[in-house]
Amino acid sequence: MKPVQPDEALSAIVGATPLPRGELTKKLWDYIKKHGLQDPAKKTLINADEALKKVFNGKGQVTMFEMTKLVSGHVK
């Protein structure tokens, strides 16, 4: 897969080097799990910390599907 370049907001989470989309998604999930951001009651929801709010356009909580769409707006 062709590497994509994360923008500044996403780089704070996954790093600044270009990554294949699959690797980017893996690093994003590693971050979510490490910081306990998956909603314990409803696993399809992601609770944003300050770094993720920048990627999620200011939203405090998004679904997994919405997350994929929002992340796509932060890669070149």
C-alpha atoms as a PDB file:
ATOM      1  CA  MET A   1       0.000   0.000   0.000  1.00  0.00           C
ATOM      2  CA  LYS A   2       1.115   3.528  -0.775  1.00  0.00           C
ATOM      3  CA  PRO A   3       2.151   5.457   2.363  1.00  0.00           C
ATOM      4  CA  VAL A   4       0.044   8.443   3.416  1.00  0.00           C
ATOM      5  CA  GLN A   5       1.365  11.530   5.209  1.00  0.00           C
ATOM      6  CA  PRO A   6      -0.439  12.402   8.482  1.00  0.00           C
ATOM      7  CA  ASP A   7      -1.059  16.111   9.062  1.00  0.00           C
ATOM      8  CA  GLU A   8       0.086  17.908  12.228  1.00  0.00           C
ATOM      9  CA  ALA A   9      -2.935  16.924  14.358  1.00  0.00           C
ATOM     10  CA  LEU A  10      -2.727  13.241  13.435  1.00  0.00           C
ATOM     11  CA  SER A  11       1.090  13.213  13.687  1.00  0.00           C
ATOM     12  CA  ALA A  12       0.787  13.926  17.415  1.00  0.00           C
ATOM     13  CA  ILE A  13      -0.826  10.471  17.731  1.00  0.00           C
ATOM     14  CA  VAL A  14       0.771   8.246  15.071  1.00  0.00           C
ATOM     15  CA  GLY A  15       4.070  10.011  14.337  1.00  0.00           C
ATOM     16  CA  ALA A  16       5.128  12.299  11.500  1.00  0.00           C
ATOM     17  CA  THR A  17       6.556   9.737   9.062  1.00  0.00           C
ATOM     18  CA  PRO A  18       4.473   8.524   6.095  1.00  0.00           C
ATOM     19  CA  LEU A  19       2.711   5.211   6.809  1.00  0.00           C
ATOM     20  CA  PRO A  20       0.599   2.754   4.841  1.00  0.00           C
ATOM     21  CA  ARG A  21      -3.059   3.280   5.789  1.00  0.00           C
ATOM     22  CA  GLY A  22      -3.234  -0.097   7.575  1.00  0.00           C
ATOM     23  CA  GLU A  23      -0.246   0.746   9.762  1.00  0.00           C
ATOM     24  CA  LEU A  24      -1.722   4.184  10.513  1.00  0.00           C
ATOM     25  CA  THR A  25      -4.974   2.556  11.649  1.00  0.00           C
ATOM     26  CA  LYS A  26      -3.035   0.092  13.830  1.00  0.00           C
ATOM     27  CA  LYS A  27      -1.101   2.908  15.520  1.00  0.00           C
ATOM     28  CA  LEU A  28      -4.323   4.853  16.064  1.00  0.00           C
ATOM     29  CA  TRP A  29      -5.933   1.834  17.759  1.00  0.00           C
ATOM     30  CA  ASP A  30      -2.812   1.249  19.851  1.00  0.00           C
ATOM     31  CA  TYR A  31      -3.139   4.852  21.077  1.00  0.00           C
ATOM     32  CA  ILE A  32      -6.867   4.435  21.827  1.00  0.00           C
ATOM     33  CA  LYS A  33      -6.268   1.223  23.793  1.00  0.00           C
ATOM     34  CA  LYS A  34      -3.203   2.554  25.645  1.00  0.00           C
ATOM     35  CA  HIS A  35      -5.178   5.576  26.881  1.00  0.00           C
ATOM     36  CA  GLY A  36      -8.431   3.661  27.575  1.00  0.00           C
ATOM     37  CA  LEU A  37     -10.469   5.752  25.144  1.00  0.00           C
ATOM     38  CA  GLN A  38     -12.839   3.042  23.917  1.00  0.00           C
ATOM     39  CA  ASP A  39     -16.192   3.479  25.680  1.00  0.00           C
ATOM     40  CA  PRO A  40     -16.553   0.627  28.209  1.00  0.00           C
ATOM     41  CA  ALA A  41     -20.356   0.466  27.903  1.00  0.00           C
ATOM     42  CA  LYS A  42     -20.589   0.678  24.105  1.00  0.00           C
ATOM     43  CA  LYS A  43     -17.414  -0.589  22.427  1.00  0.00           C
ATOM     44  CA  THR A  44     -18.230   1.053  19.071  1.00  0.00           C
ATOM     45  CA  LEU A  45     -17.738   4.526  20.587  1.00  0.00           C
ATOM     46  CA  ILE A  46     -14.400   6.274  20.967  1.00  0.00           C
ATOM     47  CA  ASN A  47     -14.030   8.970  23.654  1.00  0.00           C
ATOM     48  CA  ALA A  48     -11.619  11.680  22.529  1.00  0.00           C
ATOM     49  CA  ASP A  49      -8.817  13.108  24.641  1.00  0.00           C
ATOM     50  CA  GLU A  50      -7.358  16.518  23.702  1.00  0.00           C
ATOM     51  CA  ALA A  51      -5.124  15.080  20.943  1.00  0.00           C
ATOM     52  CA  LEU A  52      -7.977  13.108  19.359  1.00  0.00           C
ATOM     53  CA  LYS A  53     -10.392  16.047  19.557  1.00  0.00           C
ATOM     54  CA  LYS A  54      -8.143  17.828  17.052  1.00  0.00           C
ATOM     55  CA  VAL A  55      -8.474  14.870  14.679  1.00  0.00           C
ATOM     56  CA  PHE A  56     -12.218  14.482  15.385  1.00  0.00           C
ATOM     57  CA  ASN A  57     -12.968  18.148  14.546  1.00  0.00           C
ATOM     58  CA  GLY A  58     -13.643  19.026  18.188  1.00  0.00           C
ATOM     59  CA  LYS A  59     -16.075  16.174  18.890  1.00  0.00           C
ATOM     60  CA  GLY A  60     -15.788  14.496  22.290  1.00  0.00           C
ATOM     61  CA  GLN A  61     -17.093  11.126  21.129  1.00  0.00           C
ATOM     62  CA  VAL A  62     -17.390   9.426  17.732  1.00  0.00           C
ATOM     63  CA  THR A  63     -18.317   5.993  16.398  1.00  0.00           C
ATOM     64  CA  MET A  64     -15.633   3.733  14.909  1.00  0.00           C
ATOM     65  CA  PHE A  65     -17.104   4.349  11.450  1.00  0.00           C
ATOM     66  CA  GLU A  66     -17.154   8.121  11.893  1.00  0.00           C
ATOM     67  CA  MET A  67     -13.567   7.944  13.161  1.00  0.00           C
ATOM     68  CA  THR A  68     -12.404   6.370   9.882  1.00  0.00           C
ATOM     69  CA  LYS A  69     -14.013   9.172   7.886  1.00  0.00           C
ATOM     70  CA  LEU A  70     -12.570  11.906  10.120  1.00  0.00           C
ATOM     71  CA  VAL A  71      -9.053  10.422  10.044  1.00  0.00           C
ATOM     72  CA  SER A  72      -9.150  10.366   6.226  1.00  0.00           C
ATOM     73  CA  GLY A  73      -9.388  14.152   6.300  1.00  0.00           C
ATOM     74  CA  HIS A  74      -6.030  14.316   8.108  1.00  0.00           C
ATOM     75  CA  VAL A  75      -3.856  12.460   5.590  1.00  0.00           C
ATOM     76  CA  LYS A  76      -2.323  13.488   2.270  1.00  0.00           C
END
